[in-house]
């Protein structure tokens, strides 16, 4: 009698191969999603940083070169914790910087930073907190203005914690109006 050689795999061989493929697929999927999350986080940080740098550099340049700091639309001048600061710029025109809160609840933070109602930050970010602090040491000495604000990504569903991007910005500026 002739023994026929069977072609194919045993059940054990199939189970081992399926198990190995399952482990490789799980590791590959985990690596793929980690890369995607890192890419999203990097994009969010970049967006927040660009918005904050633009707003801060614009305000810093204009305040440093301003002719004077004057009473803002909240009737404040050179106080701590202001949400608005008004200057007379080098063209002798008034410019007011403001933390805009369009929903009426500052405990949620502010919607954006503005200069005379023109946005300094985009819709992609939200001002989590912020203030303008002013220190004056007399009529003929330069005033020191401190700008503090925290920007965060403006998400419409809430993001995963690992994708959140929040950056603090701060500048201390001495005006040149002496």
Foldseek 3Di string as FASTA:
>chain_A
DDDDDDDDDDPVVVVVVVVVVVVVVVVVVVVVVVVVLVVLLVVFQVQQVVLVVQLVVVVQVFQQQFQAKDQDPVRDTQAWFAQKTWTQGPVRRIKMKGQAAVVPDCCQPGQAIDIVNHGSHDNQKTWRDWGWHWADDDDPFWIKIKTKIKIWTDDDPDDDPSNIHIDIDMDIHTHPND
